[in-house]
PDB file of N, CA and C in Angstrom:
ATOM      1  N   MET A   1      58.197 -29.950 -13.134  1.00  0.00           N
ATOM      2  CA  MET A   1      59.553 -29.285 -13.885  1.00  0.00           C
ATOM      3  C   MET A   1      60.049 -29.227 -12.181  1.00  0.00           C
ATOM      4  N   HIS A   2      61.419 -29.581 -12.349  1.00  0.00           N
ATOM      5  CA  HIS A   2      62.305 -29.584 -11.566  1.00  0.00           C
ATOM      6  C   HIS A   2      63.538 -28.003 -11.689  1.00  0.00           C
ATOM      7  N   ASN A   3      63.869 -27.162 -10.677  1.00  0.00           N
ATOM      8  CA  ASN A   3      64.728 -26.324 -10.378  1.00  0.00           C
ATOM      9  C   ASN A   3      66.115 -27.134 -10.468  1.00  0.00           C
ATOM     10  N   PHE A   4      66.886 -27.198 -12.046  1.00  0.00           N
ATOM     11  CA  PHE A   4      68.306 -28.005 -11.695  1.00  0.00           C
ATOM     12  C   PHE A   4      69.251 -27.261 -10.998  1.00  0.00           C
ATOM     13  N   ARG A   5      69.013 -25.935 -10.632  1.00  0.00           N
ATOM     14  CA  ARG A   5      70.240 -25.007  -9.935  1.00  0.00           C
ATOM     15  C   ARG A   5      70.284 -25.573  -8.277  1.00  0.00           C
ATOM     16  N   GLU A   6      69.350 -26.003  -7.939  1.00  0.00           N
ATOM     17  CA  GLU A   6      69.059 -26.973  -6.672  1.00  0.00           C
ATOM     18  C   GLU A   6      69.209 -28.421  -6.602  1.00  0.00           C
ATOM     19  N   LEU A   7      69.622 -28.654  -7.529  1.00  0.00           N
ATOM     20  CA  LEU A   7      70.127 -30.415  -7.370  1.00  0.00           C
ATOM     21  C   LEU A   7      71.551 -30.327  -7.564  1.00  0.00           C
ATOM     22  N   LYS A   8      71.663 -31.088  -6.335  1.00  0.00           N
ATOM     23  CA  LYS A   8      73.429 -31.416  -6.152  1.00  0.00           C
ATOM     24  C   LYS A   8      74.026 -31.910  -7.425  1.00  0.00           C
ATOM     25  N   VAL A   9      73.597 -33.054  -7.915  1.00  0.00           N
ATOM     26  CA  VAL A   9      74.354 -33.494  -8.924  1.00  0.00           C
ATOM     27  C   VAL A   9      74.584 -32.614  -9.976  1.00  0.00           C
ATOM     28  N   TRP A  10      73.801 -31.577 -10.220  1.00  0.00           N
ATOM     29  CA  TRP A  10      73.976 -30.688 -11.408  1.00  0.00           C
ATOM     30  C   TRP A  10      75.363 -29.708 -10.693  1.00  0.00           C
ATOM     31  N   GLN A  11      75.416 -29.368  -9.557  1.00  0.00           N
ATOM     32  CA  GLN A  11      76.084 -28.432  -8.985  1.00  0.00           C
ATOM     33  C   GLN A  11      77.760 -29.321  -9.217  1.00  0.00           C
ATOM     34  N   LYS A  12      77.558 -30.406  -8.803  1.00  0.00           N
ATOM     35  CA  LYS A  12      78.759 -31.418  -8.844  1.00  0.00           C
ATOM     36  C   LYS A  12      78.994 -31.358 -10.367  1.00  0.00           C
ATOM     37  N   GLY A  13      78.461 -31.417 -11.386  1.00  0.00           N
ATOM     38  CA  GLY A  13      78.807 -31.507 -12.658  1.00  0.00           C
ATOM     39  C   GLY A  13      79.432 -30.335 -13.149  1.00  0.00           C
ATOM     40  N   ARG A  14      78.771 -29.239 -12.685  1.00  0.00           N
ATOM     41  CA  ARG A  14      79.564 -27.830 -12.837  1.00  0.00           C
ATOM     42  C   ARG A  14      80.997 -28.102 -12.241  1.00  0.00           C
ATOM     43  N   ILE A  15      81.169 -28.507 -11.360  1.00  0.00           N
ATOM     44  CA  ILE A  15      82.337 -28.507 -10.602  1.00  0.00           C
ATOM     45  C   ILE A  15      83.617 -29.439 -11.636  1.00  0.00           C
ATOM     46  N   LEU A  16      83.064 -30.636 -11.851  1.00  0.00           N
ATOM     47  CA  LEU A  16      83.482 -31.303 -12.784  1.00  0.00           C
ATOM     48  C   LEU A  16      84.139 -30.675 -14.228  1.00  0.00           C
ATOM     49  N   VAL A  17      83.063 -29.813 -14.988  1.00  0.00           N
ATOM     50  CA  VAL A  17      83.277 -29.508 -16.107  1.00  0.00           C
ATOM     51  C   VAL A  17      84.628 -28.579 -15.820  1.00  0.00           C
ATOM     52  N   LYS A  18      84.895 -27.642 -14.949  1.00  0.00           N
ATOM     53  CA  LYS A  18      85.731 -26.964 -14.411  1.00  0.00           C
ATOM     54  C   LYS A  18      87.126 -27.716 -14.366  1.00  0.00           C
ATOM     55  N   GLU A  19      87.058 -28.733 -13.754  1.00  0.00           N
ATOM     56  CA  GLU A  19      88.009 -29.642 -13.067  1.00  0.00           C
ATOM     57  C   GLU A  19      88.727 -30.122 -14.655  1.00  0.00           C
ATOM     58  N   ILE A  20      88.079 -30.773 -15.528  1.00  0.00           N
ATOM     59  CA  ILE A  20      88.143 -31.458 -17.144  1.00  0.00           C
ATOM     60  C   ILE A  20      88.521 -30.350 -17.420  1.00  0.00           C
ATOM     61  N   TYR A  21      88.069 -29.130 -17.752  1.00  0.00           N
ATOM     62  CA  TYR A  21      88.904 -28.225 -18.074  1.00  0.00           C
ATOM     63  C   TYR A  21      90.455 -27.674 -18.089  1.00  0.00           C
ATOM     64  N   LEU A  22      90.448 -27.934 -16.665  1.00  0.00           N
ATOM     65  CA  LEU A  22      91.915 -27.623 -16.309  1.00  0.00           C
ATOM     66  C   LEU A  22      93.038 -28.622 -16.536  1.00  0.00           C
ATOM     67  N   LEU A  23      92.144 -29.479 -16.230  1.00  0.00           N
ATOM     68  CA  LEU A  23      93.180 -30.865 -16.494  1.00  0.00           C
ATOM     69  C   LEU A  23      93.639 -31.033 -18.261  1.00  0.00           C
ATOM     70  N   THR A  24      92.556 -30.879 -18.824  1.00  0.00           N
ATOM     71  CA  THR A  24      93.353 -31.005 -20.289  1.00  0.00           C
ATOM     72  C   THR A  24      94.057 -29.694 -20.815  1.00  0.00           C
ATOM     73  N   LEU A  25      94.091 -28.969 -20.107  1.00  0.00           N
ATOM     74  CA  LEU A  25      94.988 -27.805 -20.455  1.00  0.00           C
ATOM     75  C   LEU A  25      96.538 -28.099 -20.887  1.00  0.00           C
ATOM     76  N   ASN A  26      96.777 -29.471 -19.811  1.00  0.00           N
ATOM     77  CA  ASN A  26      97.892 -29.723 -20.039  1.00  0.00           C
ATOM     78  C   ASN A  26      98.225 -31.271 -20.799  1.00  0.00           C
ATOM     79  N   PHE A  27      97.217 -31.284 -21.300  1.00  0.00           N
ATOM     80  CA  PHE A  27      97.293 -32.114 -22.644  1.00  0.00           C
ATOM     81  C   PHE A  27      98.116 -31.693 -23.729  1.00  0.00           C
ATOM     82  N   PRO A  28      98.566 -32.649 -24.485  1.00  0.00           N
ATOM     83  CA  PRO A  28      99.477 -32.225 -25.760  1.00  0.00           C
ATOM     84  C   PRO A  28      98.655 -31.536 -26.683  1.00  0.00           C
ATOM     85  N   LYS A  29      99.280 -30.416 -27.466  1.00  0.00           N
ATOM     86  CA  LYS A  29      98.458 -29.554 -28.528  1.00  0.00           C
ATOM     87  C   LYS A  29      97.645 -30.605 -29.464  1.00  0.00           C
ATOM     88  N   ALA A  30      98.679 -31.765 -29.698  1.00  0.00           N
ATOM     89  CA  ALA A  30      98.110 -32.693 -30.614  1.00  0.00           C
ATOM     90  C   ALA A  30      96.825 -32.753 -30.564  1.00  0.00           C
ATOM     91  N   GLU A  31      96.274 -32.899 -29.205  1.00  0.00           N
ATOM     92  CA  GLU A  31      95.152 -33.426 -28.633  1.00  0.00           C
ATOM     93  C   GLU A  31      93.628 -32.487 -28.588  1.00  0.00           C
ATOM     94  N   THR A  32      94.013 -31.382 -29.063  1.00  0.00           N
ATOM     95  CA  THR A  32      93.182 -30.605 -29.003  1.00  0.00           C
ATOM     96  C   THR A  32      91.856 -31.011 -30.078  1.00  0.00           C
ATOM     97  N   PHE A  33      91.922 -31.518 -30.877  1.00  0.00           N
ATOM     98  CA  PHE A  33      90.735 -31.690 -31.498  1.00  0.00           C
ATOM     99  C   PHE A  33      90.752 -33.562 -31.056  1.00  0.00           C
ATOM    100  N   GLY A  34      91.004 -33.924 -30.305  1.00  0.00           N
ATOM    101  CA  GLY A  34      90.865 -35.700 -29.926  1.00  0.00           C
ATOM    102  C   GLY A  34      90.396 -35.605 -28.722  1.00  0.00           C
ATOM    103  N   LEU A  35      91.150 -36.430 -28.001  1.00  0.00           N
ATOM    104  CA  LEU A  35      90.796 -36.420 -26.597  1.00  0.00           C
ATOM    105  C   LEU A  35      90.033 -35.166 -25.886  1.00  0.00           C
ATOM    106  N   THR A  36      90.763 -34.199 -25.563  1.00  0.00           N
ATOM    107  CA  THR A  36      90.573 -33.204 -25.068  1.00  0.00           C
ATOM    108  C   THR A  36      89.288 -32.633 -25.416  1.00  0.00           C
ATOM    109  N   ASP A  37      88.969 -32.344 -26.751  1.00  0.00           N
ATOM    110  CA  ASP A  37      87.802 -31.792 -27.078  1.00  0.00           C
ATOM    111  C   ASP A  37      86.819 -32.799 -26.755  1.00  0.00           C
ATOM    112  N   GLN A  38      86.516 -34.169 -26.379  1.00  0.00           N
ATOM    113  CA  GLN A  38      85.816 -35.218 -26.410  1.00  0.00           C
ATOM    114  C   GLN A  38      85.425 -35.269 -25.067  1.00  0.00           C
ATOM    115  N   MET A  39      86.941 -35.329 -24.058  1.00  0.00           N
ATOM    116  CA  MET A  39      86.448 -35.194 -22.374  1.00  0.00           C
ATOM    117  C   MET A  39      85.708 -33.596 -22.489  1.00  0.00           C
ATOM    118  N   ARG A  40      86.015 -32.803 -22.614  1.00  0.00           N
ATOM    119  CA  ARG A  40      85.274 -31.809 -22.748  1.00  0.00           C
ATOM    120  C   ARG A  40      83.467 -31.527 -22.815  1.00  0.00           C
ATOM    121  N   ARG A  41      83.765 -31.799 -24.174  1.00  0.00           N
ATOM    122  CA  ARG A  41      81.966 -32.044 -24.248  1.00  0.00           C
ATOM    123  C   ARG A  41      81.227 -33.158 -23.476  1.00  0.00           C
ATOM    124  N   ALA A  42      81.737 -34.135 -23.050  1.00  0.00           N
ATOM    125  CA  ALA A  42      81.476 -35.190 -22.705  1.00  0.00           C
ATOM    126  C   ALA A  42      81.117 -35.023 -20.923  1.00  0.00           C
ATOM    127  N   SER A  43      82.238 -34.030 -20.371  1.00  0.00           N
ATOM    128  CA  SER A  43      81.978 -33.253 -19.058  1.00  0.00           C
ATOM    129  C   SER A  43      80.553 -32.578 -19.192  1.00  0.00           C
ATOM    130  N   VAL A  44      80.507 -31.373 -20.434  1.00  0.00           N
ATOM    131  CA  VAL A  44      79.473 -30.453 -20.215  1.00  0.00           C
ATOM    132  C   VAL A  44      78.550 -31.154 -20.667  1.00  0.00           C
ATOM    133  N   SER A  45      78.204 -32.215 -21.081  1.00  0.00           N
ATOM    134  CA  SER A  45      76.976 -32.541 -21.359  1.00  0.00           C
ATOM    135  C   SER A  45      76.557 -33.246 -19.904  1.00  0.00           C
ATOM    136  N   ILE A  46      76.968 -33.466 -18.929  1.00  0.00           N
ATOM    137  CA  ILE A  46      76.554 -34.059 -17.457  1.00  0.00           C
ATOM    138  C   ILE A  46      75.316 -33.040 -17.150  1.00  0.00           C
ATOM    139  N   PRO A  47      75.895 -31.787 -16.795  1.00  0.00           N
ATOM    140  CA  PRO A  47      75.016 -30.750 -16.345  1.00  0.00           C
ATOM    141  C   PRO A  47      74.126 -30.484 -17.257  1.00  0.00           C
ATOM    142  N   ALA A  48      74.366 -30.415 -18.525  1.00  0.00           N
ATOM    143  CA  ALA A  48      73.639 -29.564 -19.224  1.00  0.00           C
ATOM    144  C   ALA A  48      72.252 -30.254 -19.621  1.00  0.00           C
ATOM    145  N   ASN A  49      72.631 -31.757 -20.061  1.00  0.00           N
ATOM    146  CA  ASN A  49      71.385 -32.856 -19.935  1.00  0.00           C
ATOM    147  C   ASN A  49      70.335 -32.610 -18.721  1.00  0.00           C
ATOM    148  N   ILE A  50      71.335 -32.663 -17.668  1.00  0.00           N
ATOM    149  CA  ILE A  50      70.648 -32.587 -16.297  1.00  0.00           C
ATOM    150  C   ILE A  50      69.465 -30.921 -16.181  1.00  0.00           C
ATOM    151  N   ALA A  51      70.238 -30.061 -16.892  1.00  0.00           N
ATOM    152  CA  ALA A  51      69.016 -28.707 -16.515  1.00  0.00           C
ATOM    153  C   ALA A  51      68.502 -28.971 -17.884  1.00  0.00           C
ATOM    154  N   GLU A  52      68.531 -29.722 -18.916  1.00  0.00           N
ATOM    155  CA  GLU A  52      67.602 -29.795 -19.938  1.00  0.00           C
ATOM    156  C   GLU A  52      66.643 -30.355 -19.802  1.00  0.00           C
ATOM    157  N   GLY A  53      66.842 -31.568 -18.734  1.00  0.00           N
ATOM    158  CA  GLY A  53      65.602 -32.494 -18.861  1.00  0.00           C
ATOM    159  C   GLY A  53      64.416 -31.988 -17.614  1.00  0.00           C
ATOM    160  N   SER A  54      65.704 -30.977 -16.588  1.00  0.00           N
ATOM    161  CA  SER A  54      64.529 -30.662 -15.608  1.00  0.00           C
ATOM    162  C   SER A  54      63.649 -29.802 -16.118  1.00  0.00           C
ATOM    163  N   GLY A  55      63.966 -29.127 -16.996  1.00  0.00           N
ATOM    164  CA  GLY A  55      62.864 -28.361 -17.878  1.00  0.00           C
ATOM    165  C   GLY A  55      61.653 -28.992 -18.304  1.00  0.00           C
ATOM    166  N   ARG A  56      61.716 -30.117 -18.909  1.00  0.00           N
ATOM    167  CA  ARG A  56      60.623 -30.932 -19.467  1.00  0.00           C
ATOM    168  C   ARG A  56      59.352 -30.926 -18.438  1.00  0.00           C
ATOM    169  N   LYS A  57      58.234 -31.221 -19.342  1.00  0.00           N
ATOM    170  CA  LYS A  57      56.882 -31.402 -18.612  1.00  0.00           C
ATOM    171  C   LYS A  57      56.843 -32.494 -18.002  1.00  0.00           C
ATOM    172  N   SER A  58      57.223 -33.429 -18.351  1.00  0.00           N
ATOM    173  CA  SER A  58      56.946 -35.045 -17.842  1.00  0.00           C
ATOM    174  C   SER A  58      58.473 -35.581 -16.950  1.00  0.00           C
ATOM    175  N   ASN A  59      58.038 -36.357 -16.185  1.00  0.00           N
ATOM    176  CA  ASN A  59      58.885 -37.156 -15.445  1.00  0.00           C
ATOM    177  C   ASN A  59      59.529 -38.146 -16.718  1.00  0.00           C
ATOM    178  N   LYS A  60      58.892 -38.353 -17.615  1.00  0.00           N
ATOM    179  CA  LYS A  60      59.663 -39.706 -18.505  1.00  0.00           C
ATOM    180  C   LYS A  60      60.581 -38.711 -19.323  1.00  0.00           C
ATOM    181  N   ASP A  61      60.445 -37.563 -19.842  1.00  0.00           N
ATOM    182  CA  ASP A  61      61.051 -36.921 -20.269  1.00  0.00           C
ATOM    183  C   ASP A  61      62.535 -36.354 -19.728  1.00  0.00           C
ATOM    184  N   PHE A  62      62.329 -36.429 -18.265  1.00  0.00           N
ATOM    185  CA  PHE A  62      63.359 -35.743 -17.512  1.00  0.00           C
ATOM    186  C   PHE A  62      64.148 -36.898 -17.317  1.00  0.00           C
ATOM    187  N   LYS A  63      63.656 -38.242 -17.037  1.00  0.00           N
ATOM    188  CA  LYS A  63      64.224 -39.454 -16.816  1.00  0.00           C
ATOM    189  C   LYS A  63      65.279 -39.959 -18.153  1.00  0.00           C
ATOM    190  N   ARG A  64      64.697 -39.392 -19.346  1.00  0.00           N
ATOM    191  CA  ARG A  64      65.372 -39.681 -20.854  1.00  0.00           C
ATOM    192  C   ARG A  64      66.672 -38.794 -20.264  1.00  0.00           C
ATOM    193  N   PHE A  65      66.525 -37.958 -20.346  1.00  0.00           N
ATOM    194  CA  PHE A  65      67.919 -36.552 -20.297  1.00  0.00           C
ATOM    195  C   PHE A  65      68.774 -37.217 -19.014  1.00  0.00           C
ATOM    196  N   LEU A  66      68.239 -37.846 -18.137  1.00  0.00           N
ATOM    197  CA  LEU A  66      69.210 -38.156 -16.847  1.00  0.00           C
ATOM    198  C   LEU A  66      69.847 -39.345 -17.137  1.00  0.00           C
ATOM    199  N   GLU A  67      69.326 -40.304 -18.401  1.00  0.00           N
ATOM    200  CA  GLU A  67      70.077 -41.282 -19.251  1.00  0.00           C
ATOM    201  C   GLU A  67      71.017 -40.921 -20.165  1.00  0.00           C
ATOM    202  N   TYR A  68      70.904 -39.636 -20.314  1.00  0.00           N
ATOM    203  CA  TYR A  68      71.878 -39.235 -21.305  1.00  0.00           C
ATOM    204  C   TYR A  68      73.013 -38.541 -20.598  1.00  0.00           C
ATOM    205  N   ALA A  69      72.478 -38.166 -19.441  1.00  0.00           N
ATOM    206  CA  ALA A  69      73.944 -37.635 -18.666  1.00  0.00           C
ATOM    207  C   ALA A  69      74.680 -38.731 -18.091  1.00  0.00           C
ATOM    208  N   TYR A  70      74.005 -39.797 -17.774  1.00  0.00           N
ATOM    209  CA  TYR A  70      74.619 -40.728 -17.369  1.00  0.00           C
ATOM    210  C   TYR A  70      75.459 -41.333 -18.120  1.00  0.00           C
ATOM    211  N   GLY A  71      75.244 -41.394 -19.644  1.00  0.00           N
ATOM    212  CA  GLY A  71      75.902 -41.984 -20.566  1.00  0.00           C
ATOM    213  C   GLY A  71      77.040 -41.159 -20.812  1.00  0.00           C
ATOM    214  N   SER A  72      77.074 -39.910 -20.637  1.00  0.00           N
ATOM    215  CA  SER A  72      77.976 -38.854 -21.196  1.00  0.00           C
ATOM    216  C   SER A  72      78.955 -38.866 -19.539  1.00  0.00           C
ATOM    217  N   ALA A  73      78.653 -39.391 -18.430  1.00  0.00           N
ATOM    218  CA  ALA A  73      79.395 -39.874 -17.462  1.00  0.00           C
ATOM    219  C   ALA A  73      80.365 -41.213 -17.925  1.00  0.00           C
ATOM    220  N   LEU A  74      79.397 -41.940 -18.135  1.00  0.00           N
ATOM    221  CA  LEU A  74      80.702 -43.304 -18.830  1.00  0.00           C
ATOM    222  C   LEU A  74      81.456 -43.032 -19.758  1.00  0.00           C
ATOM    223  N   GLU A  75      81.160 -42.030 -20.568  1.00  0.00           N
ATOM    224  CA  GLU A  75      81.980 -41.675 -21.842  1.00  0.00           C
ATOM    225  C   GLU A  75      83.257 -40.894 -20.939  1.00  0.00           C
ATOM    226  N   LEU A  76      82.873 -40.234 -20.415  1.00  0.00           N
ATOM    227  CA  LEU A  76      84.042 -39.275 -19.650  1.00  0.00           C
ATOM    228  C   LEU A  76      84.912 -40.328 -18.923  1.00  0.00           C
ATOM    229  N   GLU A  77      84.410 -41.392 -18.090  1.00  0.00           N
ATOM    230  CA  GLU A  77      85.377 -42.162 -17.659  1.00  0.00           C
ATOM    231  C   GLU A  77      86.030 -42.876 -18.331  1.00  0.00           C
ATOM    232  N   THR A  78      85.386 -43.460 -19.340  1.00  0.00           N
ATOM    233  CA  THR A  78      86.520 -43.851 -20.484  1.00  0.00           C
ATOM    234  C   THR A  78      87.435 -43.084 -20.934  1.00  0.00           C
ATOM    235  N   HIS A  79      87.221 -41.810 -21.095  1.00  0.00           N
ATOM    236  CA  HIS A  79      88.236 -40.946 -21.803  1.00  0.00           C
ATOM    237  C   HIS A  79      89.386 -40.820 -20.664  1.00  0.00           C
ATOM    238  N   ILE A  80      88.710 -40.938 -19.260  1.00  0.00           N
ATOM    239  CA  ILE A  80      89.974 -40.712 -18.189  1.00  0.00           C
ATOM    240  C   ILE A  80      90.738 -41.979 -18.102  1.00  0.00           C
ATOM    241  N   TYR A  81      90.149 -43.320 -18.299  1.00  0.00           N
ATOM    242  CA  TYR A  81      90.737 -44.237 -18.129  1.00  0.00           C
ATOM    243  C   TYR A  81      91.944 -44.450 -19.323  1.00  0.00           C
ATOM    244  N   LEU A  82      91.513 -43.876 -20.613  1.00  0.00           N
ATOM    245  CA  LEU A  82      92.204 -43.726 -21.654  1.00  0.00           C
ATOM    246  C   LEU A  82      93.856 -42.563 -21.864  1.00  0.00           C
ATOM    247  N   SER A  83      93.104 -41.438 -20.864  1.00  0.00           N
ATOM    248  CA  SER A  83      94.513 -40.620 -20.539  1.00  0.00           C
ATOM    249  C   SER A  83      95.213 -41.286 -19.934  1.00  0.00           C
ATOM    250  N   TYR A  84      94.956 -41.649 -18.975  1.00  0.00           N
ATOM    251  CA  TYR A  84      95.991 -42.713 -18.178  1.00  0.00           C
ATOM    252  C   TYR A  84      96.662 -43.411 -19.314  1.00  0.00           C
ATOM    253  N   ASP A  85      95.907 -44.062 -19.800  1.00  0.00           N
ATOM    254  CA  ASP A  85      96.738 -45.168 -20.656  1.00  0.00           C
ATOM    255  C   ASP A  85      97.717 -44.906 -21.452  1.00  0.00           C
ATOM    256  N   VAL A  86      97.432 -43.859 -22.087  1.00  0.00           N
ATOM    257  CA  VAL A  86      98.742 -42.932 -23.030  1.00  0.00           C
ATOM    258  C   VAL A  86      99.727 -42.091 -22.056  1.00  0.00           C
ATOM    259  N   ASN A  87      99.520 -42.136 -20.677  1.00  0.00           N
ATOM    260  CA  ASN A  87     100.184 -41.739 -19.799  1.00  0.00           C
ATOM    261  C   ASN A  87     100.527 -39.784 -19.815  1.00  0.00           C
ATOM    262  N   TYR A  88      98.926 -39.052 -19.955  1.00  0.00           N
ATOM    263  CA  TYR A  88      98.561 -38.093 -20.019  1.00  0.00           C
ATOM    264  C   TYR A  88      98.355 -37.383 -18.360  1.00  0.00           C
ATOM    265  N   ILE A  89      97.389 -38.493 -17.626  1.00  0.00           N
ATOM    266  CA  ILE A  89      97.674 -38.703 -16.259  1.00  0.00           C
ATOM    267  C   ILE A  89      98.458 -39.566 -15.517  1.00  0.00           C
ATOM    268  N   ASP A  90      98.232 -39.350 -14.278  1.00  0.00           N
ATOM    269  CA  ASP A  90      99.106 -40.298 -13.208  1.00  0.00           C
ATOM    270  C   ASP A  90      98.305 -40.937 -12.604  1.00  0.00           C
ATOM    271  N   GLU A  91      98.443 -42.075 -11.924  1.00  0.00           N
ATOM    272  CA  GLU A  91      97.512 -43.048 -11.076  1.00  0.00           C
ATOM    273  C   GLU A  91      96.350 -42.122 -10.333  1.00  0.00           C
ATOM    274  N   PRO A  92      97.330 -41.009  -9.148  1.00  0.00           N
ATOM    275  CA  PRO A  92      96.228 -40.251  -8.629  1.00  0.00           C
ATOM    276  C   PRO A  92      95.479 -39.871  -9.106  1.00  0.00           C
ATOM    277  N   THR A  93      95.816 -38.863 -10.154  1.00  0.00           N
ATOM    278  CA  THR A  93      94.568 -38.388 -10.881  1.00  0.00           C
ATOM    279  C   THR A  93      93.828 -39.080 -11.384  1.00  0.00           C
ATOM    280  N   LEU A  94      93.669 -40.288 -12.083  1.00  0.00           N
ATOM    281  CA  LEU A  94      92.984 -40.963 -12.516  1.00  0.00           C
ATOM    282  C   LEU A  94      91.973 -41.259 -11.602  1.00  0.00           C
ATOM    283  N   ASN A  95      92.495 -42.015 -10.310  1.00  0.00           N
ATOM    284  CA  ASN A  95      91.627 -42.298  -9.336  1.00  0.00           C
ATOM    285  C   ASN A  95      91.065 -41.313  -8.628  1.00  0.00           C
ATOM    286  N   ASN A  96      91.393 -39.782  -8.420  1.00  0.00           N
ATOM    287  CA  ASN A  96      90.930 -39.013  -8.075  1.00  0.00           C
ATOM    288  C   ASN A  96      89.474 -38.522  -9.075  1.00  0.00           C
ATOM    289  N   PHE A  97      89.710 -38.778 -10.340  1.00  0.00           N
ATOM    290  CA  PHE A  97      88.698 -38.174 -11.319  1.00  0.00           C
ATOM    291  C   PHE A  97      87.342 -39.337 -11.330  1.00  0.00           C
ATOM    292  N   LEU A  98      88.222 -40.358 -11.241  1.00  0.00           N
ATOM    293  CA  LEU A  98      86.810 -41.850 -11.028  1.00  0.00           C
ATOM    294  C   LEU A  98      85.861 -41.759  -9.947  1.00  0.00           C
ATOM    295  N   LYS A  99      86.767 -41.353  -9.171  1.00  0.00           N
ATOM    296  CA  LYS A  99      86.252 -40.859  -7.862  1.00  0.00           C
ATOM    297  C   LYS A  99      84.750 -40.036  -8.093  1.00  0.00           C
ATOM    298  N   ILE A 100      85.375 -38.992  -8.560  1.00  0.00           N
ATOM    299  CA  ILE A 100      84.157 -37.933  -8.627  1.00  0.00           C
ATOM    300  C   ILE A 100      83.134 -38.337  -9.886  1.00  0.00           C
ATOM    301  N   ILE A 101      83.662 -38.689 -10.698  1.00  0.00           N
ATOM    302  CA  ILE A 101      82.577 -39.366 -11.754  1.00  0.00           C
ATOM    303  C   ILE A 101      81.528 -40.465 -11.150  1.00  0.00           C
ATOM    304  N   HIS A 102      82.248 -41.206 -10.443  1.00  0.00           N
ATOM    305  CA  HIS A 102      81.473 -42.339  -9.826  1.00  0.00           C
ATOM    306  C   HIS A 102      80.524 -42.002  -9.212  1.00  0.00           C
ATOM    307  N   GLU A 103      80.907 -40.514  -8.209  1.00  0.00           N
ATOM    308  CA  GLU A 103      79.782 -40.242  -7.317  1.00  0.00           C
ATOM    309  C   GLU A 103      78.663 -39.248  -7.969  1.00  0.00           C
ATOM    310  N   ILE A 104      79.267 -38.778  -9.240  1.00  0.00           N
ATOM    311  CA  ILE A 104      77.817 -38.385 -10.305  1.00  0.00           C
ATOM    312  C   ILE A 104      77.224 -39.056 -10.553  1.00  0.00           C
ATOM    313  N   GLU A 105      77.956 -40.550 -11.294  1.00  0.00           N
ATOM    314  CA  GLU A 105      77.076 -41.301 -11.556  1.00  0.00           C
ATOM    315  C   GLU A 105      75.882 -41.888 -10.660  1.00  0.00           C
ATOM    316  N   LYS A 106      76.344 -42.170  -9.261  1.00  0.00           N
ATOM    317  CA  LYS A 106      75.480 -42.427  -8.404  1.00  0.00           C
ATOM    318  C   LYS A 106      74.253 -41.646  -8.142  1.00  0.00           C
ATOM    319  N   MET A 107      74.543 -40.191  -8.286  1.00  0.00           N
ATOM    320  CA  MET A 107      73.843 -39.114  -7.891  1.00  0.00           C
ATOM    321  C   MET A 107      72.601 -39.428  -9.139  1.00  0.00           C
ATOM    322  N   ILE A 108      73.234 -39.395 -10.528  1.00  0.00           N
ATOM    323  CA  ILE A 108      72.049 -39.693 -11.317  1.00  0.00           C
ATOM    324  C   ILE A 108      71.256 -40.684 -11.371  1.00  0.00           C
ATOM    325  N   THR A 109      72.071 -42.084 -10.998  1.00  0.00           N
ATOM    326  CA  THR A 109      70.804 -42.916 -10.784  1.00  0.00           C
ATOM    327  C   THR A 109      69.851 -42.757  -9.321  1.00  0.00           C
ATOM    328  N   GLY A 110      70.303 -41.832  -8.433  1.00  0.00           N
ATOM    329  CA  GLY A 110      69.585 -41.544  -7.452  1.00  0.00           C
ATOM    330  C   GLY A 110      68.296 -40.674  -7.631  1.00  0.00           C
ATOM    331  N   LEU A 111      68.791 -39.908  -8.419  1.00  0.00           N
ATOM    332  CA  LEU A 111      67.861 -38.827  -9.072  1.00  0.00           C
ATOM    333  C   LEU A 111      66.680 -39.411  -9.739  1.00  0.00           C
ATOM    334  N   ASP A 112      67.566 -40.416 -10.914  1.00  0.00           N
ATOM    335  CA  ASP A 112      66.158 -41.116 -11.617  1.00  0.00           C
ATOM    336  C   ASP A 112      65.534 -42.157 -10.757  1.00  0.00           C
ATOM    337  N   ASN A 113      66.184 -42.868  -9.803  1.00  0.00           N
ATOM    338  CA  ASN A 113      65.032 -43.481  -9.004  1.00  0.00           C
ATOM    339  C   ASN A 113      64.102 -42.830  -8.217  1.00  0.00           C
ATOM    340  N   SER A 114      64.186 -41.515  -8.136  1.00  0.00           N
ATOM    341  CA  SER A 114      63.137 -40.496  -6.958  1.00  0.00           C
ATOM    342  C   SER A 114      62.406 -39.863  -8.035  1.00  0.00           C
ATOM    343  N   ILE A 115      62.407 -40.327  -8.962  1.00  0.00           N
ATOM    344  CA  ILE A 115      61.222 -39.677  -9.752  1.00  0.00           C
ATOM    345  C   ILE A 115      60.455 -40.782 -10.169  1.00  0.00           C
ATOM    346  N   ASN A 116      58.732 -40.037 -10.075  1.00  0.00           N
ATOM    347  CA  ASN A 116      57.960 -41.235 -10.199  1.00  0.00           C
ATOM    348  C   ASN A 116      57.428 -40.940 -11.381  1.00  0.00           C
TER     349      ASN A 116
END
């Protein structure tokens, strides 16, 4: 078992969740149960799956949860693009979030590769 609190990717995931919540506060109220909800759920899923997987008894199980976290990062990446497409965010905001998400995706992959 791994201590998820010590994992940099989990720590960065928590920061991302906060940033997504702050970002979506500016979205139209009509999106409360649409894009806003989807983005928040996908972002929360990243560190949550890392934490849950770290508590599993086998590395195989941990790797499976890292796959879920990676999938949630890809989902969130898509939501960020869609937010840009519908003019909820500008290009600098798009690029900033893509940079953060890509870094987390690389960290998840690196952690996955480091587990035997």
